[in-house]
Amino acid sequence: MAEEETGQEKTEDATPKRLEKAREEGQVARSRELGTTLLLMTGAFSLLAFGSALGSRFMAVMKFNFDFDRQTATDPHAMVTQLSTSIFNMLDVLGLILVLLMLAGALGSVALGGWLVSSKALMPKISRLNPLAGLKRMFSMKSLVELGKAVAKFLLVVIVAILILLQMQGDILSIGQETLEAAIIHSAWIIIWSAIGMSAATIIIAAIDVPYQVYDNAQKMLMTKQQVKDEHKDSEGKPEIKSRIRQLQREMAQSRMMASVPDADVVITNPEHFSVALKYDMDAPGAPMVVAKGADEIALKIREVANLNNVPLLQSPTLTRAIYFTTDIDEEIPAKLYLAVAQILAYIYQLRTDRYARPRSDSQSRTADSKLDLPDELLFDSDGKIPP
């Protein structure tokens, strides 16, 4: 009802989620005409295939039940014996035909729409008890279509029946001149072929009904643009929720990153806008690794954590920006920065050997920074751009 309230038309194709939900509710394309056609054609051709055997069995059963002696007529148990014998004589042929009809009925049900078991379709709906809704369904377009189909089926079957009678008029009139046994057999063949012809007429109806049911179901599954947007929001998550999730993920990532700062060998700063924490394990293969990095407030937080844990701080604006813009967290530095980082780590290791040594002043750091060997393609400005 949402599309009626908003005035939007259903112009969008059904999404996979919409089709899946409709299938769970039992809303799939079905054609009763297809099932009817399969049943009639199966029954007619079964009679054609097994008609001779069925007729012979039927005549034998009739003779068995109507040709008996006086002793059998007076036996109170003879009726049960006669009935059971008759059933067993007809059971194999009739049973085979019934099995074929059962398979045809099952195939007709699943041929269009596939196999579907839905408990929701069996649930009672209070809305179906509403007389106004019932009247609305009676005079709906679907009811008119069903009425048209019923009238068309009736007229088509009547026309085919008349044509069959005209075609077999000579055979029907000749039955009166035949013997009883020949007349019965001839009549059976006329009935079987008439059934095949009239059943074949329903193929035309099914050929029209199947595409219509597919089209009608597709029209029912159409969605408004708003429904598509709402479904996308439900599956992808509402923007505010997604934003909150991303914020929590960033906070968790920052917490893990800050926990790695105390284990860093050095924190290189911009000195104000960027901070990068490096760690190098001399006993393991590989280059120095970035364990934390950040800009502005995060950069300040990295420096605070480093100070609290006695991690050396070193100002090197060009190297800090180069590492910040080229290397992610938990990644090794690029090969082009090996020499510059090696100079920094050598200075830090020299500090560790002299307990009285202290990091250089700002002017000394800038002087040291100018001596670092950095390629021109790694000289970034504060915006992450390489100056011309």
Foldseek 3Di string as FASTA:
>chain_A
DVCVVVVFDQDAFFDPVLVVVCLLLVQFQADPLLLLLLLLQLLLVLCVVCVVVQVVLVVVLVCLVPDDDPVLVPDPCNVVVSVVVSCVSNVPSVVVSVVSSVVSNVCNGAVGGHDGDHVNNVDDDPVVVDVVVVVCVCPDPVVVVVVVLVVVLVVLLVVQLVVLCVVCVVLVVCLVVDDPVVSVVSVSVSVSVSSNSSSVSSVVSCVVRRVVSNVVSRSVSGDGPVVVVVVCCVVVHPPVVVVVVVVVVVVVVLVQLLVCLLVFQEWEPLPAFKIWTWHDDPVDDDAIFTSDMGTHPSRVVSVVSCVVNVRYYAYQNQLRQLQVLPHDHGDHGDPQCRQQVVVVSVVSVVCVVPVPDHYDDPVVRHVVNVVGDHDQVSRADPVRDRDD
